[in-house]
Protein backbone atom coordinates (compact mmCIF):
# COMPACT_ATOMS: atom_id res chain seq x y z
CA MET A 1 0.00 0.00 0.00
CA PHE A 2 1.22 3.50 -0.81
CA SER A 3 1.46 5.58 2.33
CA SER A 4 0.29 9.17 2.26
CA THR A 5 2.86 11.87 1.60
CA LYS A 6 2.97 15.64 1.54
CA ASP A 7 6.21 15.50 -0.45
CA LYS A 8 5.38 16.43 -4.06
CA LYS A 9 8.65 14.96 -5.39
CA LYS A 10 8.01 11.56 -3.74
CA TYR A 11 4.45 11.53 -5.07
CA GLU A 12 5.63 12.26 -8.61
CA GLU A 13 8.41 9.65 -8.38
CA HIS A 14 5.84 7.07 -7.26
CA LEU A 15 3.65 7.92 -10.24
CA VAL A 16 6.46 7.68 -12.79
CA LEU A 17 7.70 4.35 -11.42
CA ASN A 18 4.36 2.68 -10.68
CA HIS A 19 1.84 4.28 -13.06
CA PRO A 20 3.65 5.15 -16.31
CA GLY A 21 1.54 6.95 -18.88
CA LEU A 22 -1.13 8.08 -16.43
CA PRO A 23 -1.65 11.76 -15.64
CA PRO A 24 -0.20 12.74 -12.25
CA TYR A 25 -3.03 15.15 -11.44
CA PRO A 26 -6.06 13.77 -13.33
CA SER A 27 -9.20 15.76 -13.94
CA ILE A 28 -12.64 14.17 -13.79
CA ALA A 29 -12.54 14.00 -17.61
CA ASP A 30 -9.23 12.05 -17.42
CA LEU A 31 -10.69 9.61 -14.90
CA ASN A 32 -13.77 9.02 -17.05
CA ARG A 33 -11.64 8.57 -20.21
CA LEU A 34 -9.41 6.05 -18.44
CA GLY A 35 -12.37 4.18 -16.94
CA ILE A 36 -11.23 4.86 -13.38
CA PHE A 37 -14.10 5.05 -10.90
CA PRO A 38 -14.35 5.66 -7.13
CA GLN A 39 -13.88 2.55 -5.00
CA GLY A 40 -15.83 3.67 -1.96
CA LYS A 41 -12.97 5.30 -0.06
CA ASN A 42 -14.19 8.06 2.25
CA TRP A 43 -11.44 10.46 1.07
CA LYS A 44 -12.36 10.24 -2.62
CA PHE A 45 -14.65 12.72 -4.28
CA ASN A 46 -17.88 11.68 -6.00
CA LEU A 47 -17.94 11.62 -9.79
C-alpha cells in the first residue's frame, strides 16, 4: 500500500515508477476517459 505523503517529489516519483503513462493530477474528464471510478474510499470525491 502507498502511504500518504505531503512531499510532491516523492508523489511524482511514485507515479512515474508505478503508473507510467497516467496523468499525475487527473481531472474528472481524465478519470472518465481512463475508466477509473471511485472505489468507496471516504477520502475520494464523487464523480
